[in-house]
Amino acid sequence: MTSSKNLLNRAQRCHDEGRFVAAADFLLEAFRQDPENYEIARELGKVLRAVGDLDGAVAYLKRAWQHAPTDPITVSELILSLHERDRPGEAVNVMLRSLEAGLDDTGFAMALLKG
């Protein structure tokens, strides 16, 4: 059995290459092994956002955000997904709660630019 970390690494490479279905397959397998790993949930959200499944993206990104509210990549991806779903109030709430929890605004800005 391949470890969830190894599956996550494979999925990230596939995502970078634009192979979203392969990335999703690796991530779903990793998620089954380690459903509490926020990085896996975050990457699933990113892949779903990339293929246009914004509801799925928001669900996984919220799960990741609950575990890591100060992770700049998670916060930026969640805010972008909420914005694309026309849920600006929720996006503002996520931003405020993340800042209160200690989100580094410079790291967030960099992640947002990449997102």
C-alpha atoms as a PDB file:
ATOM      1  CA  MET A   1       0.000   0.000   0.000  1.00  0.00           C
ATOM      2  CA  THR A   2       1.294   3.446  -0.911  1.00  0.00           C
ATOM      3  CA  SER A   3       1.453   5.958   1.933  1.00  0.00           C
ATOM      4  CA  SER A   4      -0.884   8.940   1.962  1.00  0.00           C
ATOM      5  CA  LYS A   5       2.137  11.287   1.792  1.00  0.00           C
ATOM      6  CA  ASN A   6       3.427   9.523  -1.320  1.00  0.00           C
ATOM      7  CA  LEU A   7      -0.040   9.685  -2.888  1.00  0.00           C
ATOM      8  CA  LEU A   8      -0.239  13.395  -2.048  1.00  0.00           C
ATOM      9  CA  ASN A   9       3.103  14.014  -3.760  1.00  0.00           C
ATOM     10  CA  ARG A  10       1.993  12.109  -6.857  1.00  0.00           C
ATOM     11  CA  ALA A  11      -1.277  14.031  -6.928  1.00  0.00           C
ATOM     12  CA  GLN A  12       0.491  17.388  -6.683  1.00  0.00           C
ATOM     13  CA  ARG A  13       2.709  16.470  -9.644  1.00  0.00           C
ATOM     14  CA  CYS A  14      -0.347  15.432 -11.674  1.00  0.00           C
ATOM     15  CA  HIS A  15      -2.137  18.668 -10.751  1.00  0.00           C
ATOM     16  CA  ASP A  16       0.892  20.713 -11.813  1.00  0.00           C
ATOM     17  CA  GLU A  17       0.861  18.861 -15.137  1.00  0.00           C
ATOM     18  CA  GLY A  18      -2.867  19.515 -15.639  1.00  0.00           C
ATOM     19  CA  ARG A  19      -3.797  15.861 -15.161  1.00  0.00           C
ATOM     20  CA  PHE A  20      -6.701  16.530 -12.829  1.00  0.00           C
ATOM     21  CA  VAL A  21      -8.444  13.149 -13.020  1.00  0.00           C
ATOM     22  CA  ALA A  22      -5.233  11.330 -12.092  1.00  0.00           C
ATOM     23  CA  ALA A  23      -4.625  13.840  -9.292  1.00  0.00           C
ATOM     24  CA  ALA A  24      -8.145  13.313  -7.964  1.00  0.00           C
ATOM     25  CA  ASP A  25      -7.704   9.523  -8.020  1.00  0.00           C
ATOM     26  CA  PHE A  26      -4.499   9.727  -5.964  1.00  0.00           C
ATOM     27  CA  LEU A  27      -6.063  12.229  -3.562  1.00  0.00           C
ATOM     28  CA  LEU A  28      -9.215  10.207  -2.987  1.00  0.00           C
ATOM     29  CA  GLU A  29      -7.106   7.167  -2.158  1.00  0.00           C
ATOM     30  CA  ALA A  30      -4.967   9.282   0.203  1.00  0.00           C
ATOM     31  CA  PHE A  31      -8.096  10.784   1.775  1.00  0.00           C
ATOM     32  CA  ARG A  32      -9.497   7.311   2.488  1.00  0.00           C
ATOM     33  CA  GLN A  33      -6.238   6.477   4.296  1.00  0.00           C
ATOM     34  CA  ASP A  34      -5.933   9.758   6.193  1.00  0.00           C
ATOM     35  CA  PRO A  35      -9.203  11.759   6.270  1.00  0.00           C
ATOM     36  CA  GLU A  36      -7.908  14.153   8.948  1.00  0.00           C
ATOM     37  CA  ASN A  37      -4.930  15.329   6.869  1.00  0.00           C
ATOM     38  CA  TYR A  38      -5.722  18.928   5.935  1.00  0.00           C
ATOM     39  CA  GLU A  39      -3.185  18.946   3.079  1.00  0.00           C
ATOM     40  CA  ILE A  40      -5.020  16.141   1.318  1.00  0.00           C
ATOM     41  CA  ALA A  41      -8.386  17.860   1.766  1.00  0.00           C
ATOM     42  CA  ARG A  42      -6.851  21.130   0.544  1.00  0.00           C
ATOM     43  CA  GLU A  43      -5.400  19.508  -2.558  1.00  0.00           C
ATOM     44  CA  LEU A  44      -8.719  17.809  -3.295  1.00  0.00           C
ATOM     45  CA  GLY A  45     -10.372  21.206  -3.075  1.00  0.00           C
ATOM     46  CA  LYS A  46      -7.804  22.713  -5.423  1.00  0.00           C
ATOM     47  CA  VAL A  47      -8.318  19.960  -7.997  1.00  0.00           C
ATOM     48  CA  LEU A  48     -12.093  20.253  -7.802  1.00  0.00           C
ATOM     49  CA  ARG A  49     -11.851  24.021  -8.231  1.00  0.00           C
ATOM     50  CA  ALA A  50      -9.602  23.513 -11.255  1.00  0.00           C
ATOM     51  CA  VAL A  51     -12.215  21.316 -12.946  1.00  0.00           C
ATOM     52  CA  GLY A  52     -15.084  23.642 -12.068  1.00  0.00           C
ATOM     53  CA  ASP A  53     -16.715  21.728  -9.208  1.00  0.00           C
ATOM     54  CA  LEU A  54     -16.909  24.716  -6.884  1.00  0.00           C
ATOM     55  CA  ASP A  55     -19.340  23.123  -4.434  1.00  0.00           C
ATOM     56  CA  GLY A  56     -17.030  20.146  -3.990  1.00  0.00           C
ATOM     57  CA  ALA A  57     -14.033  22.462  -3.768  1.00  0.00           C
ATOM     58  CA  VAL A  58     -15.651  24.536  -1.031  1.00  0.00           C
ATOM     59  CA  ALA A  59     -16.581  21.410   0.948  1.00  0.00           C
ATOM     60  CA  TYR A  60     -13.035  20.015   0.964  1.00  0.00           C
ATOM     61  CA  LEU A  61     -11.407  23.406   1.466  1.00  0.00           C
ATOM     62  CA  LYS A  62     -13.666  24.140   4.453  1.00  0.00           C
ATOM     63  CA  ARG A  63     -12.653  20.806   5.936  1.00  0.00           C
ATOM     64  CA  ALA A  64      -8.980  21.688   5.461  1.00  0.00           C
ATOM     65  CA  TRP A  65      -9.547  25.194   6.842  1.00  0.00           C
ATOM     66  CA  GLN A  66     -11.147  23.828  10.011  1.00  0.00           C
ATOM     67  CA  HIS A  67      -7.926  21.898  10.685  1.00  0.00           C
ATOM     68  CA  ALA A  68      -5.541  24.651   9.557  1.00  0.00           C
ATOM     69  CA  PRO A  69      -7.179  28.098   9.657  1.00  0.00           C
ATOM     70  CA  THR A  70      -3.825  29.864   9.297  1.00  0.00           C
ATOM     71  CA  ASP A  71      -2.510  27.916   6.300  1.00  0.00           C
ATOM     72  CA  PRO A  72      -2.206  30.607   3.604  1.00  0.00           C
ATOM     73  CA  ILE A  73      -2.806  28.248   0.683  1.00  0.00           C
ATOM     74  CA  THR A  74      -5.939  26.783   2.243  1.00  0.00           C
ATOM     75  CA  VAL A  75      -7.310  30.213   3.120  1.00  0.00           C
ATOM     76  CA  SER A  76      -6.620  31.681  -0.317  1.00  0.00           C
ATOM     77  CA  GLU A  77      -8.124  28.707  -2.167  1.00  0.00           C
ATOM     78  CA  LEU A  78     -11.209  28.752   0.053  1.00  0.00           C
ATOM     79  CA  ILE A  79     -11.715  32.485  -0.365  1.00  0.00           C
ATOM     80  CA  LEU A  80     -11.291  32.260  -4.138  1.00  0.00           C
ATOM     81  CA  SER A  81     -13.745  29.354  -4.326  1.00  0.00           C
ATOM     82  CA  LEU A  82     -16.300  31.168  -2.185  1.00  0.00           C
ATOM     83  CA  HIS A  83     -15.908  34.272  -4.324  1.00  0.00           C
ATOM     84  CA  GLU A  84     -16.443  32.222  -7.495  1.00  0.00           C
ATOM     85  CA  ARG A  85     -19.608  30.741  -5.908  1.00  0.00           C
ATOM     86  CA  ASP A  86     -20.812  34.315  -5.239  1.00  0.00           C
ATOM     87  CA  ARG A  87     -20.626  33.893  -1.464  1.00  0.00           C
ATOM     88  CA  PRO A  88     -18.725  37.061  -0.502  1.00  0.00           C
ATOM     89  CA  GLY A  89     -20.041  37.191   3.065  1.00  0.00           C
ATOM     90  CA  GLU A  90     -18.647  33.755   3.779  1.00  0.00           C
ATOM     91  CA  ALA A  91     -15.328  34.698   2.157  1.00  0.00           C
ATOM     92  CA  VAL A  92     -15.038  37.755   4.406  1.00  0.00           C
ATOM     93  CA  ASN A  93     -15.872  35.643   7.459  1.00  0.00           C
ATOM     94  CA  VAL A  94     -13.152  33.116   6.554  1.00  0.00           C
ATOM     95  CA  MET A  95     -10.632  35.920   6.120  1.00  0.00           C
ATOM     96  CA  LEU A  96     -11.492  37.582   9.415  1.00  0.00           C
ATOM     97  CA  ARG A  97     -11.464  34.335  11.383  1.00  0.00           C
ATOM     98  CA  SER A  98      -8.155  33.333   9.827  1.00  0.00           C
ATOM     99  CA  LEU A  99      -6.579  36.684  10.657  1.00  0.00           C
ATOM    100  CA  GLU A 100      -7.834  36.388  14.234  1.00  0.00           C
ATOM    101  CA  ALA A 101      -6.269  32.911  14.419  1.00  0.00           C
ATOM    102  CA  GLY A 102      -2.910  34.311  13.312  1.00  0.00           C
ATOM    103  CA  LEU A 103      -2.832  34.073   9.515  1.00  0.00           C
ATOM    104  CA  ASP A 104       0.340  35.624   8.108  1.00  0.00           C
ATOM    105  CA  ASP A 105      -0.961  38.256   5.698  1.00  0.00           C
ATOM    106  CA  THR A 106       2.209  38.226   3.563  1.00  0.00           C
ATOM    107  CA  GLY A 107       2.027  34.457   3.067  1.00  0.00           C
ATOM    108  CA  PHE A 108      -1.666  34.775   2.307  1.00  0.00           C
ATOM    109  CA  ALA A 109      -1.049  37.501  -0.285  1.00  0.00           C
ATOM    110  CA  MET A 110       1.587  35.348  -2.003  1.00  0.00           C
ATOM    111  CA  ALA A 111      -0.727  32.320  -2.033  1.00  0.00           C
ATOM    112  CA  LEU A 112      -3.578  34.448  -3.368  1.00  0.00           C
ATOM    113  CA  LEU A 113      -1.428  35.679  -6.246  1.00  0.00           C
ATOM    114  CA  LYS A 114      -0.585  32.075  -7.169  1.00  0.00           C
ATOM    115  CA  GLY A 115      -4.213  30.945  -6.807  1.00  0.00           C
END
